[in-house]
Amino acid sequence: MNLHTRNSQRGQGTLEFALIIPIVLLVVFAVFEGARAIFVYQSVITASREAARFGSSVQNYLNCTAIRNEALRFSRPAQTTASDIRIYYLISGDSLASVDNAYKNAKACGVWSGPVETEDRIVVEVTGYFDPARAMPLMSFPQMTFSSTTRRTILKEIELGWELQPGTNLASIFEAWLP
């Protein structure tokens, strides 16, 4: 093999590398941005779910600030602000017979301070934002908006139909139910 052939083979390898590396980098970049988008989307879902869970407890159901702070705590990657969190209540009874009526009669958190009954629902809507390719100022991609709504039933008290007497052995009750 002569010197000319070796040099042309090296040049061919360099050219192939130069043609392939932008495609490989683009694929790697797309994978990272896709993973970041999924992470932001998941943080919005988690924020909505955790705020609704927190707000469905009897101690916290009217504490709008604490519910909103719980949502903000989980939605930091999504650039969520307090104005991106909407909290309201669906009151049980006739208003829940139709979904349309339920949302027309929804009570906003902070405005409504009425008593909560068993089967009332808290609804938390969280909106978050994702800016793709923030690290690449040469490329301009539109901002993506993610939103999640979670509804949780507030269980104030549940009547089981029987009362336990002090000192009752729960194991014996459950053993009687088992075959």
Protein backbone atom coordinates (compact mmCIF):
# COMPACT_ATOMS: atom_id res chain seq x y z
CA MET A 1 0.00 0.00 0.00
CA ASN A 2 1.54 3.27 -0.98
CA LEU A 3 1.53 6.61 0.85
CA HIS A 4 -1.13 8.16 -1.40
CA THR A 5 -3.66 5.38 -0.66
CA ARG A 6 -3.13 5.67 3.12
CA ASN A 7 -3.64 9.43 3.08
CA SER A 8 -6.82 9.16 1.01
CA GLN A 9 -8.25 6.56 3.41
CA ARG A 10 -7.56 8.85 6.38
CA GLY A 11 -9.24 11.69 4.54
CA GLN A 12 -12.23 9.49 3.79
CA GLY A 13 -12.62 8.59 7.50
CA THR A 14 -12.39 12.25 8.49
CA LEU A 15 -15.04 13.18 5.93
CA GLU A 16 -17.40 10.40 7.10
CA PHE A 17 -16.92 11.52 10.69
CA ALA A 18 -17.63 15.14 9.76
CA LEU A 19 -20.84 14.12 7.99
CA ILE A 20 -22.13 11.79 10.72
CA ILE A 21 -21.26 13.73 13.92
CA PRO A 22 -23.94 16.46 13.46
CA ILE A 23 -26.63 13.79 13.07
CA VAL A 24 -25.41 11.89 16.12
CA LEU A 25 -25.29 15.09 18.20
CA LEU A 26 -28.79 16.05 17.04
CA VAL A 27 -30.15 12.66 18.12
CA VAL A 28 -28.42 12.91 21.52
CA PHE A 29 -29.73 16.46 21.98
CA ALA A 30 -33.27 15.35 21.05
CA VAL A 31 -33.13 12.52 23.59
CA PHE A 32 -32.01 14.89 26.36
CA GLU A 33 -34.68 17.48 25.50
CA GLY A 34 -37.36 14.79 25.32
CA ALA A 35 -36.31 13.52 28.74
CA ARG A 36 -36.42 17.06 30.15
CA ALA A 37 -39.91 17.57 28.70
CA ILE A 38 -41.14 14.33 30.29
CA PHE A 39 -39.58 15.38 33.60
CA VAL A 40 -41.38 18.75 33.52
CA TYR A 41 -44.67 17.08 32.53
CA GLN A 42 -44.32 14.57 35.36
CA SER A 43 -43.58 17.35 37.86
CA VAL A 44 -46.84 19.11 36.86
CA ILE A 45 -48.80 15.87 37.33
CA THR A 46 -47.15 15.19 40.68
CA ALA A 47 -47.76 18.76 41.88
CA SER A 48 -51.46 18.50 41.06
CA ARG A 49 -51.81 15.09 42.67
CA GLU A 50 -49.92 15.96 45.85
CA ALA A 51 -51.71 19.30 46.34
CA ALA A 52 -55.09 17.59 45.94
CA ARG A 53 -54.04 14.86 48.37
CA PHE A 54 -52.87 17.47 50.86
CA GLY A 55 -56.04 19.52 50.44
CA SER A 56 -58.38 16.55 50.78
CA SER A 57 -57.46 16.08 54.41
CA VAL A 58 -59.97 17.57 56.84
CA GLN A 59 -57.29 19.69 58.52
CA ASN A 60 -56.16 21.41 55.31
CA TYR A 61 -59.15 21.56 52.98
CA LEU A 62 -59.70 25.34 53.30
CA ASN A 63 -56.05 26.36 53.68
CA CYS A 64 -55.56 27.66 50.13
CA THR A 65 -52.07 29.00 50.79
CA ALA A 66 -50.81 25.67 52.12
CA ILE A 67 -52.39 23.74 49.24
CA ARG A 68 -50.87 26.17 46.70
CA ASN A 69 -47.46 25.93 48.42
CA GLU A 70 -47.65 22.14 48.25
CA ALA A 71 -48.23 22.37 44.49
CA LEU A 72 -45.39 24.87 44.09
CA ARG A 73 -43.05 22.61 46.03
CA PHE A 74 -43.45 19.81 43.47
CA SER A 75 -43.68 21.93 40.32
CA ARG A 76 -40.41 23.88 40.47
CA PRO A 77 -39.00 22.33 37.27
CA ALA A 78 -42.12 23.49 35.40
CA GLN A 79 -41.65 27.20 36.15
CA THR A 80 -45.06 27.28 37.84
CA THR A 81 -46.16 30.40 39.71
CA ALA A 82 -48.96 30.78 42.24
CA SER A 83 -51.23 32.19 39.52
CA ASP A 84 -50.80 28.94 37.53
CA ILE A 85 -52.51 26.94 40.29
CA ARG A 86 -56.30 26.86 40.48
CA ILE A 87 -58.06 25.31 43.48
CA TYR A 88 -61.81 24.87 43.77
CA TYR A 89 -64.41 22.59 45.32
CA LEU A 90 -67.23 20.53 43.86
CA ILE A 91 -70.02 20.30 46.38
CA SER A 92 -71.82 16.95 46.58
CA GLY A 93 -75.52 16.56 45.98
CA ASP A 94 -77.50 17.53 42.91
CA SER A 95 -74.63 19.54 41.42
CA LEU A 96 -72.56 16.39 40.85
CA ALA A 97 -75.31 14.65 38.85
CA SER A 98 -74.00 16.34 35.72
CA VAL A 99 -70.37 17.21 35.12
CA ASP A 100 -71.38 20.47 33.42
CA ASN A 101 -73.47 21.53 36.41
CA ALA A 102 -70.73 20.52 38.81
CA TYR A 103 -68.21 22.89 37.26
CA LYS A 104 -70.76 25.70 36.93
CA ASN A 105 -71.43 25.42 40.68
CA ALA A 106 -67.76 25.00 41.67
CA LYS A 107 -66.61 27.05 44.65
CA ALA A 108 -63.22 28.74 44.41
CA CYS A 109 -60.72 28.29 47.19
CA GLY A 110 -60.44 31.46 49.24
CA VAL A 111 -63.90 32.63 48.18
CA TRP A 112 -65.87 29.74 49.63
CA SER A 113 -65.52 28.88 53.30
CA GLY A 114 -68.61 26.79 53.82
CA PRO A 115 -68.75 23.51 55.67
CA VAL A 116 -67.37 20.48 53.92
CA GLU A 117 -69.48 17.38 53.76
CA THR A 118 -68.36 13.85 53.07
CA GLU A 119 -68.15 13.29 49.30
CA ASP A 120 -67.37 16.94 48.46
CA ARG A 121 -64.40 17.11 46.11
CA ILE A 122 -61.34 19.30 45.89
CA VAL A 123 -60.02 20.00 42.40
CA VAL A 124 -56.47 21.24 41.80
CA GLU A 125 -55.36 22.40 38.36
CA VAL A 126 -51.65 23.06 37.83
CA THR A 127 -50.12 24.55 34.70
CA GLY A 128 -46.40 24.39 33.97
CA TYR A 129 -44.12 25.49 31.18
CA PHE A 130 -41.23 23.91 29.31
CA ASP A 131 -38.72 25.90 27.27
CA PRO A 132 -37.02 23.51 24.85
CA ALA A 133 -33.43 24.14 23.84
CA ARG A 134 -32.76 26.80 26.48
CA ALA A 135 -29.08 25.91 26.30
CA MET A 136 -28.93 26.61 22.58
CA PRO A 137 -29.55 30.30 21.92
CA LEU A 138 -29.10 29.83 18.16
CA MET A 139 -32.28 27.77 17.95
CA SER A 140 -35.70 29.16 18.81
CA PHE A 141 -38.40 26.68 19.80
CA PRO A 142 -41.83 27.67 21.15
CA GLN A 143 -42.59 27.23 24.82
CA MET A 144 -44.69 24.16 25.66
CA THR A 145 -47.51 24.28 28.22
CA PHE A 146 -48.43 21.28 30.36
CA SER A 147 -51.53 21.12 32.52
CA SER A 148 -52.88 18.58 34.98
CA THR A 149 -56.15 18.40 36.91
CA THR A 150 -56.64 16.16 39.94
CA ARG A 151 -59.90 15.60 41.80
CA ARG A 152 -59.97 14.08 45.27
CA THR A 153 -62.94 13.28 47.47
CA ILE A 154 -62.83 14.81 50.92
CA LEU A 155 -63.68 12.14 53.48
CA LYS A 156 -64.73 13.96 56.60
CA GLU A 157 -66.23 11.02 58.40
CA ILE A 158 -67.42 7.61 57.39
CA GLU A 159 -70.01 5.70 59.32
CA LEU A 160 -69.25 1.99 59.35
CA GLY A 161 -72.50 0.89 60.94
CA TRP A 162 -70.94 -0.51 64.09
CA GLU A 163 -68.77 0.68 66.94
CA LEU A 164 -65.87 -1.03 68.62
CA GLN A 165 -65.98 -1.30 72.35
CA PRO A 166 -62.80 -0.39 74.24
CA GLY A 167 -60.52 -3.41 74.50
CA THR A 168 -61.99 -5.19 71.46
CA ASN A 169 -59.52 -7.56 69.83
CA LEU A 170 -59.48 -6.63 66.12
CA ALA A 171 -57.69 -9.85 65.19
CA SER A 172 -60.63 -11.95 66.40
CA ILE A 173 -63.06 -9.88 64.30
CA PHE A 174 -60.99 -10.35 61.14
CA GLU A 175 -60.46 -14.05 61.84
CA ALA A 176 -64.24 -14.50 61.93
CA TRP A 177 -64.49 -13.04 58.40
CA LEU A 178 -61.77 -15.22 56.93
CA PRO A 179 -62.78 -18.64 55.52
